[in-house]
Amino acid sequence: MKRKATILVLIIAMMTLCLATPALASAQEADPAEQETVQLAKTKISSTILSTHAMKIQWKKVAGAKKYTLYVAAGKNIVKQKNTKKLSYEANDLKKGTKYTIIVKAKATGATASKTVKTVRMPARITRGMAGFSKTNAGRLIKIARSKLGKSYVSGGSGPNVFDCSGYVYYITKRSHSAGITSGKLIRSSDSGELSQMRRMRGAKYVGRSYSKAQPGDIVFMGGHVAFYYGNNQLIHATNPRVDVAITSIWWSGGPGRVVAIYRLPEM
């Protein structure tokens, strides 16, 4: 009788072990560490040049990604790194003429991160003929300046439909500041007063007195007159009551020899 009882106990124990083994195997298969086989898709990176030292980087959303790590590197030197849930980033303080490698890694728990690479060379100079000029900060300012072509020259005018030379520069920089193109903001003044403001403005750059170094959107002071450099040896400005707001040659009313100073607004 005792022998039968012992055999019965052994049979029950073996059955219990057999039933438990599949459950254990299932638990092992469900281990997250064993399931990290999902490969996140690569994204698509685009870049917009804003100036010789800044660009806006954007990328497409990756399905399943919880965050992104952005790297902006010059050679082997990583100059920018950002962890973000956003899909864009503005990189500033870059070096003109330098080639940068942009890397975006899409990441998620339980998945293998993807890596997308794009290279961009910063321009040595902003010109009207460069690809993407209209999207640069200079191109956007020039667009605002062009919107007032043909408006009347009136002494003391500062917009929106009548201007004198300093009133025109004041109005365009004000509009550009409101549009987020530049942090530079002028107070309504004479051309000499605006020159004093540019000398004190944080982030503004003194370009010199030569048009050879000027970029579109630079402010040109000519001793009694002020204008924007338009590019291609041209100015855009409120000229006089006969010509009004117009694009003219740099040789207008005295030419390059009349230039006192050329300044570049911040972020330009």
C-alpha atoms as a PDB file:
ATOM      1  CA  MET A   1       0.000   0.000   0.000  1.00  0.00           C
ATOM      2  CA  LYS A   2       2.813   2.366   0.892  1.00  0.00           C
ATOM      3  CA  ARG A   3       4.593   1.443  -2.367  1.00  0.00           C
ATOM      4  CA  LYS A   4       1.506   2.374  -4.440  1.00  0.00           C
ATOM      5  CA  ALA A   5       1.230   5.698  -2.640  1.00  0.00           C
ATOM      6  CA  THR A   6       4.866   6.467  -3.353  1.00  0.00           C
ATOM      7  CA  ILE A   7       4.467   5.693  -7.076  1.00  0.00           C
ATOM      8  CA  LEU A   8       1.361   7.895  -7.246  1.00  0.00           C
ATOM      9  CA  VAL A   9       3.255  10.837  -5.677  1.00  0.00           C
ATOM     10  CA  LEU A  10       6.070  10.429  -8.235  1.00  0.00           C
ATOM     11  CA  ILE A  11       3.609  10.406 -11.148  1.00  0.00           C
ATOM     12  CA  ILE A  12       1.895  13.606  -9.917  1.00  0.00           C
ATOM     13  CA  ALA A  13       5.267  15.326  -9.466  1.00  0.00           C
ATOM     14  CA  MET A  14       6.364  14.441 -13.011  1.00  0.00           C
ATOM     15  CA  MET A  15       3.069  15.682 -14.472  1.00  0.00           C
ATOM     16  CA  THR A  16       3.417  18.987 -12.586  1.00  0.00           C
ATOM     17  CA  LEU A  17       6.974  19.459 -13.924  1.00  0.00           C
ATOM     18  CA  CYS A  18       5.884  18.758 -17.510  1.00  0.00           C
ATOM     19  CA  LEU A  19       3.033  21.270 -17.265  1.00  0.00           C
ATOM     20  CA  ALA A  20       5.286  23.958 -15.738  1.00  0.00           C
ATOM     21  CA  THR A  21       8.044  23.718 -18.373  1.00  0.00           C
ATOM     22  CA  PRO A  22       6.072  25.311 -21.285  1.00  0.00           C
ATOM     23  CA  ALA A  23       4.959  28.145 -19.005  1.00  0.00           C
ATOM     24  CA  LEU A  24       8.583  28.782 -18.064  1.00  0.00           C
ATOM     25  CA  ALA A  25       9.588  28.776 -21.735  1.00  0.00           C
ATOM     26  CA  SER A  26       6.808  31.277 -22.513  1.00  0.00           C
ATOM     27  CA  ALA A  27       8.006  33.565 -19.733  1.00  0.00           C
ATOM     28  CA  GLN A  28      11.542  33.444 -21.143  1.00  0.00           C
ATOM     29  CA  GLU A  29      10.320  34.235 -24.661  1.00  0.00           C
ATOM     30  CA  ALA A  30       8.488  37.298 -23.312  1.00  0.00           C
ATOM     31  CA  ASP A  31      11.655  38.687 -21.708  1.00  0.00           C
ATOM     32  CA  PRO A  32      12.034  42.270 -23.099  1.00  0.00           C
ATOM     33  CA  ALA A  33      15.795  41.819 -23.358  1.00  0.00           C
ATOM     34  CA  GLU A  34      15.143  39.007 -25.858  1.00  0.00           C
ATOM     35  CA  GLN A  35      12.656  41.121 -27.833  1.00  0.00           C
ATOM     36  CA  GLU A  36      14.856  44.137 -28.802  1.00  0.00           C
ATOM     37  CA  THR A  37      14.823  43.260 -32.486  1.00  0.00           C
ATOM     38  CA  VAL A  38      12.756  46.153 -33.893  1.00  0.00           C
ATOM     39  CA  GLN A  39      14.872  48.357 -36.171  1.00  0.00           C
ATOM     40  CA  LEU A  40      13.595  51.939 -36.277  1.00  0.00           C
ATOM     41  CA  ALA A  41      13.398  53.405 -39.770  1.00  0.00           C
ATOM     42  CA  LYS A  42      15.755  56.145 -40.890  1.00  0.00           C
ATOM     43  CA  THR A  43      14.466  59.705 -41.053  1.00  0.00           C
ATOM     44  CA  LYS A  44      14.876  62.371 -43.740  1.00  0.00           C
ATOM     45  CA  ILE A  45      16.996  65.418 -42.844  1.00  0.00           C
ATOM     46  CA  SER A  46      16.637  68.840 -44.455  1.00  0.00           C
ATOM     47  CA  SER A  47      18.601  72.011 -43.711  1.00  0.00           C
ATOM     48  CA  THR A  48      18.001  75.704 -44.379  1.00  0.00           C
ATOM     49  CA  ILE A  49      20.930  78.124 -44.393  1.00  0.00           C
ATOM     50  CA  LEU A  50      20.014  81.242 -42.390  1.00  0.00           C
ATOM     51  CA  SER A  51      23.373  83.028 -42.489  1.00  0.00           C
ATOM     52  CA  THR A  52      27.064  82.215 -42.806  1.00  0.00           C
ATOM     53  CA  HIS A  53      27.000  80.969 -39.204  1.00  0.00           C
ATOM     54  CA  ALA A  54      23.492  79.548 -38.645  1.00  0.00           C
ATOM     55  CA  MET A  55      21.211  76.931 -40.155  1.00  0.00           C
ATOM     56  CA  LYS A  56      17.860  75.385 -39.310  1.00  0.00           C
ATOM     57  CA  ILE A  57      17.807  71.577 -39.249  1.00  0.00           C
ATOM     58  CA  GLN A  58      14.575  69.605 -39.624  1.00  0.00           C
ATOM     59  CA  TRP A  59      13.807  65.903 -39.821  1.00  0.00           C
ATOM     60  CA  LYS A  60      10.801  63.669 -40.431  1.00  0.00           C
ATOM     61  CA  LYS A  61       9.025  61.806 -37.628  1.00  0.00           C
ATOM     62  CA  VAL A  62      10.018  58.154 -37.232  1.00  0.00           C
ATOM     63  CA  ALA A  63       7.217  55.742 -36.296  1.00  0.00           C
ATOM     64  CA  GLY A  64       7.781  54.391 -32.804  1.00  0.00           C
ATOM     65  CA  ALA A  65      10.562  56.828 -31.898  1.00  0.00           C
ATOM     66  CA  LYS A  66      10.273  58.437 -28.474  1.00  0.00           C
ATOM     67  CA  LYS A  67      13.158  60.899 -28.795  1.00  0.00           C
ATOM     68  CA  TYR A  68      15.954  61.984 -31.113  1.00  0.00           C
ATOM     69  CA  THR A  69      19.613  62.749 -30.547  1.00  0.00           C
ATOM     70  CA  LEU A  70      21.059  65.365 -32.890  1.00  0.00           C
ATOM     71  CA  TYR A  71      24.769  65.794 -33.552  1.00  0.00           C
ATOM     72  CA  VAL A  72      26.334  68.612 -35.594  1.00  0.00           C
ATOM     73  CA  ALA A  73      29.997  67.882 -36.166  1.00  0.00           C
ATOM     74  CA  ALA A  74      32.893  69.575 -37.963  1.00  0.00           C
ATOM     75  CA  GLY A  75      35.185  66.700 -38.877  1.00  0.00           C
ATOM     76  CA  LYS A  76      35.615  64.619 -35.724  1.00  0.00           C
ATOM     77  CA  ASN A  77      34.800  67.584 -33.520  1.00  0.00           C
ATOM     78  CA  ILE A  78      31.181  67.461 -32.312  1.00  0.00           C
ATOM     79  CA  VAL A  79      30.196  71.089 -31.788  1.00  0.00           C
ATOM     80  CA  LYS A  80      26.492  70.594 -31.084  1.00  0.00           C
ATOM     81  CA  GLN A  81      24.540  67.802 -29.403  1.00  0.00           C
ATOM     82  CA  LYS A  82      20.857  67.896 -28.539  1.00  0.00           C
ATOM     83  CA  ASN A  83      18.397  65.374 -27.098  1.00  0.00           C
ATOM     84  CA  THR A  84      14.884  66.351 -28.048  1.00  0.00           C
ATOM     85  CA  LYS A  85      11.365  65.185 -28.812  1.00  0.00           C
ATOM     86  CA  LYS A  86      11.019  67.971 -31.384  1.00  0.00           C
ATOM     87  CA  LEU A  87      11.656  67.632 -35.108  1.00  0.00           C
ATOM     88  CA  SER A  88      13.765  70.748 -35.661  1.00  0.00           C
ATOM     89  CA  TYR A  89      16.739  72.620 -34.239  1.00  0.00           C
ATOM     90  CA  GLU A  90      18.516  75.900 -35.056  1.00  0.00           C
ATOM     91  CA  ALA A  91      22.289  75.570 -34.918  1.00  0.00           C
ATOM     92  CA  ASN A  92      24.103  78.866 -34.368  1.00  0.00           C
ATOM     93  CA  ASP A  93      27.720  79.949 -33.885  1.00  0.00           C
ATOM     94  CA  LEU A  94      28.873  77.806 -36.802  1.00  0.00           C
ATOM     95  CA  LYS A  95      31.904  78.737 -38.899  1.00  0.00           C
ATOM     96  CA  LYS A  96      31.477  80.104 -42.409  1.00  0.00           C
ATOM     97  CA  GLY A  97      32.892  77.965 -45.204  1.00  0.00           C
ATOM     98  CA  THR A  98      33.056  74.889 -42.932  1.00  0.00           C
ATOM     99  CA  LYS A  99      31.548  71.499 -43.791  1.00  0.00           C
ATOM    100  CA  TYR A 100      29.349  70.011 -41.074  1.00  0.00           C
ATOM    101  CA  THR A 101      28.047  66.486 -40.620  1.00  0.00           C
ATOM    102  CA  ILE A 102      24.501  66.298 -39.269  1.00  0.00           C
ATOM    103  CA  ILE A 103      23.523  63.042 -37.540  1.00  0.00           C
ATOM    104  CA  VAL A 104      20.026  62.282 -36.271  1.00  0.00           C
ATOM    105  CA  LYS A 105      19.469  59.148 -34.188  1.00  0.00           C
ATOM    106  CA  ALA A 106      15.887  58.041 -33.575  1.00  0.00           C
ATOM    107  CA  LYS A 107      15.548  56.109 -30.299  1.00  0.00           C
ATOM    108  CA  ALA A 108      12.934  54.055 -28.443  1.00  0.00           C
ATOM    109  CA  THR A 109      12.971  51.555 -25.576  1.00  0.00           C
ATOM    110  CA  GLY A 110      13.023  47.998 -26.870  1.00  0.00           C
ATOM    111  CA  ALA A 111      14.216  48.953 -30.354  1.00  0.00           C
ATOM    112  CA  THR A 112      17.458  49.411 -32.229  1.00  0.00           C
ATOM    113  CA  ALA A 113      18.179  53.093 -32.893  1.00  0.00           C
ATOM    114  CA  SER A 114      18.371  54.320 -36.480  1.00  0.00           C
ATOM    115  CA  LYS A 115      21.071  56.697 -37.711  1.00  0.00           C
ATOM    116  CA  THR A 116      20.703  59.212 -40.538  1.00  0.00           C
ATOM    117  CA  VAL A 117      23.617  61.311 -41.823  1.00  0.00           C
ATOM    118  CA  LYS A 118      23.705  64.468 -43.972  1.00  0.00           C
ATOM    119  CA  THR A 119      26.574  66.834 -44.792  1.00  0.00           C
ATOM    120  CA  VAL A 120      26.198  70.599 -45.262  1.00  0.00           C
ATOM    121  CA  ARG A 121      28.808  73.230 -46.091  1.00  0.00           C
ATOM    122  CA  MET A 122      28.191  76.670 -44.632  1.00  0.00           C
ATOM    123  CA  PRO A 123      28.582  79.453 -47.211  1.00  0.00           C
ATOM    124  CA  ALA A 124      31.580  81.760 -47.008  1.00  0.00           C
ATOM    125  CA  ARG A 125      29.288  84.615 -47.972  1.00  0.00           C
ATOM    126  CA  ILE A 126      25.584  85.276 -48.553  1.00  0.00           C
ATOM    127  CA  THR A 127      24.854  86.356 -52.136  1.00  0.00           C
ATOM    128  CA  ARG A 128      21.694  86.890 -54.143  1.00  0.00           C
ATOM    129  CA  GLY A 129      22.765  84.188 -56.601  1.00  0.00           C
ATOM    130  CA  MET A 130      23.250  81.403 -54.069  1.00  0.00           C
ATOM    131  CA  ALA A 131      20.800  78.516 -53.863  1.00  0.00           C
ATOM    132  CA  GLY A 132      18.215  79.085 -51.152  1.00  0.00           C
ATOM    133  CA  PHE A 133      18.920  82.822 -50.845  1.00  0.00           C
ATOM    134  CA  SER A 134      15.228  83.663 -50.350  1.00  0.00           C
ATOM    135  CA  LYS A 135      15.155  81.509 -47.187  1.00  0.00           C
ATOM    136  CA  THR A 136      18.211  83.111 -45.594  1.00  0.00           C
ATOM    137  CA  ASN A 137      17.699  85.890 -43.066  1.00  0.00           C
ATOM    138  CA  ALA A 138      19.182  88.342 -45.576  1.00  0.00           C
ATOM    139  CA  GLY A 139      16.792  87.145 -48.277  1.00  0.00           C
ATOM    140  CA  ARG A 140      13.800  87.523 -45.976  1.00  0.00           C
ATOM    141  CA  LEU A 141      14.824  91.082 -45.027  1.00  0.00           C
ATOM    142  CA  ILE A 142      15.295  91.998 -48.695  1.00  0.00           C
ATOM    143  CA  LYS A 143      11.809  90.658 -49.436  1.00  0.00           C
ATOM    144  CA  ILE A 144      10.356  93.039 -46.834  1.00  0.00           C
ATOM    145  CA  ALA A 145      12.425  95.898 -48.274  1.00  0.00           C
ATOM    146  CA  ARG A 146      11.195  95.129 -51.813  1.00  0.00           C
ATOM    147  CA  SER A 147       7.573  95.244 -50.654  1.00  0.00           C
ATOM    148  CA  LYS A 148       7.916  99.050 -50.328  1.00  0.00           C
ATOM    149  CA  LEU A 149       9.406  99.715 -53.763  1.00  0.00           C
ATOM    150  CA  GLY A 150       7.749 102.715 -55.417  1.00  0.00           C
ATOM    151  CA  LYS A 151       6.480 104.213 -52.157  1.00  0.00           C
ATOM    152  CA  SER A 152       6.860 107.982 -51.892  1.00  0.00           C
ATOM    153  CA  TYR A 153       9.852 109.774 -50.446  1.00  0.00           C
ATOM    154  CA  VAL A 154       8.619 112.284 -47.864  1.00  0.00           C
ATOM    155  CA  SER A 155      10.942 114.027 -45.410  1.00  0.00           C
ATOM    156  CA  GLY A 156      10.269 112.676 -41.921  1.00  0.00           C
ATOM    157  CA  GLY A 157       8.305 109.676 -43.259  1.00  0.00           C
ATOM    158  CA  SER A 158       8.780 106.361 -41.473  1.00  0.00           C
ATOM    159  CA  GLY A 159       6.108 104.179 -43.108  1.00  0.00           C
ATOM    160  CA  PRO A 160       4.111 102.354 -43.899  1.00  0.00           C
ATOM    161  CA  ASN A 161       3.623 104.184 -47.223  1.00  0.00           C
ATOM    162  CA  VAL A 162       5.918 107.235 -47.065  1.00  0.00           C
ATOM    163  CA  PHE A 163       9.604 107.272 -46.116  1.00  0.00           C
ATOM    164  CA  ASP A 164      12.770 109.254 -45.943  1.00  0.00           C
ATOM    165  CA  CYS A 165      16.078 107.352 -45.996  1.00  0.00           C
ATOM    166  CA  SER A 166      16.450 106.771 -42.243  1.00  0.00           C
ATOM    167  CA  GLY A 167      12.698 106.235 -41.832  1.00  0.00           C
ATOM    168  CA  TYR A 168      12.875 103.455 -44.436  1.00  0.00           C
ATOM    169  CA  VAL A 169      15.792 101.701 -42.714  1.00  0.00           C
ATOM    170  CA  TYR A 170      14.036 102.067 -39.337  1.00  0.00           C
ATOM    171  CA  TYR A 171      10.772 100.615 -40.697  1.00  0.00           C
ATOM    172  CA  ILE A 172      12.370  97.625 -42.484  1.00  0.00           C
ATOM    173  CA  THR A 173      14.510  96.686 -39.478  1.00  0.00           C
ATOM    174  CA  LYS A 174      11.448  96.988 -37.235  1.00  0.00           C
ATOM    175  CA  ARG A 175       9.454  94.661 -39.491  1.00  0.00           C
ATOM    176  CA  SER A 176      12.381  92.256 -39.680  1.00  0.00           C
ATOM    177  CA  HIS A 177      12.686  92.242 -35.893  1.00  0.00           C
ATOM    178  CA  SER A 178       8.968  91.474 -35.558  1.00  0.00           C
ATOM    179  CA  ALA A 179       9.340  88.616 -38.063  1.00  0.00           C
ATOM    180  CA  GLY A 180      12.159  87.091 -36.004  1.00  0.00           C
ATOM    181  CA  ILE A 181      14.770  87.693 -38.704  1.00  0.00           C
ATOM    182  CA  THR A 182      17.073  89.800 -36.520  1.00  0.00           C
ATOM    183  CA  SER A 183      17.352  90.709 -32.859  1.00  0.00           C
ATOM    184  CA  GLY A 184      18.597  94.138 -33.918  1.00  0.00           C
ATOM    185  CA  LYS A 185      16.049  96.909 -33.443  1.00  0.00           C
ATOM    186  CA  LEU A 186      16.553 100.586 -34.260  1.00  0.00           C
ATOM    187  CA  ILE A 187      14.902 103.594 -32.654  1.00  0.00           C
ATOM    188  CA  ARG A 188      13.581 106.134 -35.151  1.00  0.00           C
ATOM    189  CA  SER A 189      16.368 108.640 -35.724  1.00  0.00           C
ATOM    190  CA  SER A 190      18.440 110.386 -38.385  1.00  0.00           C
ATOM    191  CA  ASP A 191      21.034 108.509 -40.429  1.00  0.00           C
ATOM    192  CA  SER A 192      23.786 109.622 -38.022  1.00  0.00           C
ATOM    193  CA  GLY A 193      21.647 108.582 -35.055  1.00  0.00           C
ATOM    194  CA  GLU A 194      21.124 105.138 -36.591  1.00  0.00           C
ATOM    195  CA  LEU A 195      24.859 104.827 -37.187  1.00  0.00           C
ATOM    196  CA  SER A 196      25.469 105.509 -33.491  1.00  0.00           C
ATOM    197  CA  GLN A 197      22.908 102.840 -32.612  1.00  0.00           C
ATOM    198  CA  MET A 198      24.558 100.275 -34.900  1.00  0.00           C
ATOM    199  CA  ARG A 199      27.926 100.931 -33.275  1.00  0.00           C
ATOM    200  CA  ARG A 200      26.407 100.069 -29.888  1.00  0.00           C
ATOM    201  CA  MET A 201      24.097  97.243 -30.998  1.00  0.00           C
ATOM    202  CA  ARG A 202      24.932  93.875 -29.492  1.00  0.00           C
ATOM    203  CA  GLY A 203      25.677  91.311 -32.191  1.00  0.00           C
ATOM    204  CA  ALA A 204      25.984  93.870 -35.001  1.00  0.00           C
ATOM    205  CA  LYS A 205      29.119  93.586 -37.130  1.00  0.00           C
ATOM    206  CA  TYR A 206      31.182  96.380 -38.649  1.00  0.00           C
ATOM    207  CA  VAL A 207      31.896  95.256 -42.214  1.00  0.00           C
ATOM    208  CA  GLY A 208      34.115  98.147 -43.245  1.00  0.00           C
ATOM    209  CA  ARG A 209      33.705 100.781 -45.935  1.00  0.00           C
ATOM    210  CA  SER A 210      34.065  98.627 -49.042  1.00  0.00           C
ATOM    211  CA  TYR A 211      31.181  97.065 -50.986  1.00  0.00           C
ATOM    212  CA  SER A 212      33.500  94.126 -51.761  1.00  0.00           C
ATOM    213  CA  LYS A 213      32.754  92.776 -48.275  1.00  0.00           C
ATOM    214  CA  ALA A 214      29.061  93.703 -48.158  1.00  0.00           C
ATOM    215  CA  GLN A 215      26.187  91.215 -48.187  1.00  0.00           C
ATOM    216  CA  PRO A 216      22.519  91.800 -49.062  1.00  0.00           C
ATOM    217  CA  GLY A 217      20.751  93.366 -46.092  1.00  0.00           C
ATOM    218  CA  ASP A 218      23.812  95.213 -44.788  1.00  0.00           C
ATOM    219  CA  ILE A 219      23.148  98.839 -43.809  1.00  0.00           C
ATOM    220  CA  VAL A 220      25.244 101.374 -45.692  1.00  0.00           C
ATOM    221  CA  PHE A 221      25.889 104.794 -44.149  1.00  0.00           C
ATOM    222  CA  MET A 222      26.990 107.481 -46.607  1.00  0.00           C
ATOM    223  CA  GLY A 223      27.224 110.697 -44.578  1.00  0.00           C
ATOM    224  CA  GLY A 224      23.784 112.282 -44.803  1.00  0.00           C
ATOM    225  CA  HIS A 225      22.137 109.183 -46.288  1.00  0.00           C
ATOM    226  CA  VAL A 226      21.511 105.548 -45.324  1.00  0.00           C
ATOM    227  CA  ALA A 227      20.492 102.536 -47.434  1.00  0.00           C
ATOM    228  CA  PHE A 228      20.423  98.741 -47.556  1.00  0.00           C
ATOM    229  CA  TYR A 229      22.909  96.897 -49.741  1.00  0.00           C
ATOM    230  CA  TYR A 230      20.855  94.905 -52.245  1.00  0.00           C
ATOM    231  CA  GLY A 231      23.664  92.845 -53.763  1.00  0.00           C
ATOM    232  CA  ASN A 232      25.242  92.895 -57.235  1.00  0.00           C
ATOM    233  CA  ASN A 233      26.542  96.438 -56.669  1.00  0.00           C
ATOM    234  CA  GLN A 234      23.070  97.822 -56.007  1.00  0.00           C
ATOM    235  CA  LEU A 235      21.296  99.605 -53.141  1.00  0.00           C
ATOM    236  CA  ILE A 236      17.654  99.502 -52.079  1.00  0.00           C
ATOM    237  CA  HIS A 237      16.607 102.709 -50.290  1.00  0.00           C
ATOM    238  CA  ALA A 238      14.367 105.742 -50.041  1.00  0.00           C
ATOM    239  CA  THR A 239      16.324 107.904 -52.463  1.00  0.00           C
ATOM    240  CA  ASN A 240      14.746 111.363 -52.924  1.00  0.00           C
ATOM    241  CA  PRO A 241      11.377 112.925 -53.942  1.00  0.00           C
ATOM    242  CA  ARG A 242      12.098 112.308 -57.625  1.00  0.00           C
ATOM    243  CA  VAL A 243      12.990 108.606 -57.463  1.00  0.00           C
ATOM    244  CA  ASP A 244      11.221 107.542 -54.205  1.00  0.00           C
ATOM    245  CA  VAL A 245      11.906 104.021 -52.809  1.00  0.00           C
ATOM    246  CA  ALA A 246      13.959 102.268 -55.468  1.00  0.00           C
ATOM    247  CA  ILE A 247      16.844  99.967 -56.343  1.00  0.00           C
ATOM    248  CA  THR A 248      19.790 101.902 -57.701  1.00  0.00           C
ATOM    249  CA  SER A 249      23.457 101.419 -58.534  1.00  0.00           C
ATOM    250  CA  ILE A 250      26.003 101.869 -55.742  1.00  0.00           C
ATOM    251  CA  TRP A 251      27.199 104.818 -57.825  1.00  0.00           C
ATOM    252  CA  TRP A 252      24.018 106.713 -56.952  1.00  0.00           C
ATOM    253  CA  SER A 253      24.760 110.218 -55.626  1.00  0.00           C
ATOM    254  CA  GLY A 254      28.484 110.111 -55.082  1.00  0.00           C
ATOM    255  CA  GLY A 255      29.268 106.433 -55.311  1.00  0.00           C
ATOM    256  CA  PRO A 256      31.412 104.187 -53.102  1.00  0.00           C
ATOM    257  CA  GLY A 257      33.716 107.024 -52.088  1.00  0.00           C
ATOM    258  CA  ARG A 258      30.881 108.471 -50.045  1.00  0.00           C
ATOM    259  CA  VAL A 259      30.560 105.407 -47.771  1.00  0.00           C
ATOM    260  CA  VAL A 260      31.285 106.109 -44.097  1.00  0.00           C
ATOM    261  CA  ALA A 261      30.524 102.632 -42.698  1.00  0.00           C
ATOM    262  CA  ILE A 262      28.739  99.384 -43.522  1.00  0.00           C
ATOM    263  CA  TYR A 263      27.141  97.391 -40.706  1.00  0.00           C
ATOM    264  CA  ARG A 264      25.556  93.930 -40.577  1.00  0.00           C
ATOM    265  CA  LEU A 265      22.558  93.317 -38.317  1.00  0.00           C
ATOM    266  CA  PRO A 266      22.650  90.431 -35.807  1.00  0.00           C
ATOM    267  CA  GLU A 267      21.693  86.993 -37.216  1.00  0.00           C
ATOM    268  CA  MET A 268      22.470  88.164 -40.747  1.00  0.00           C
END
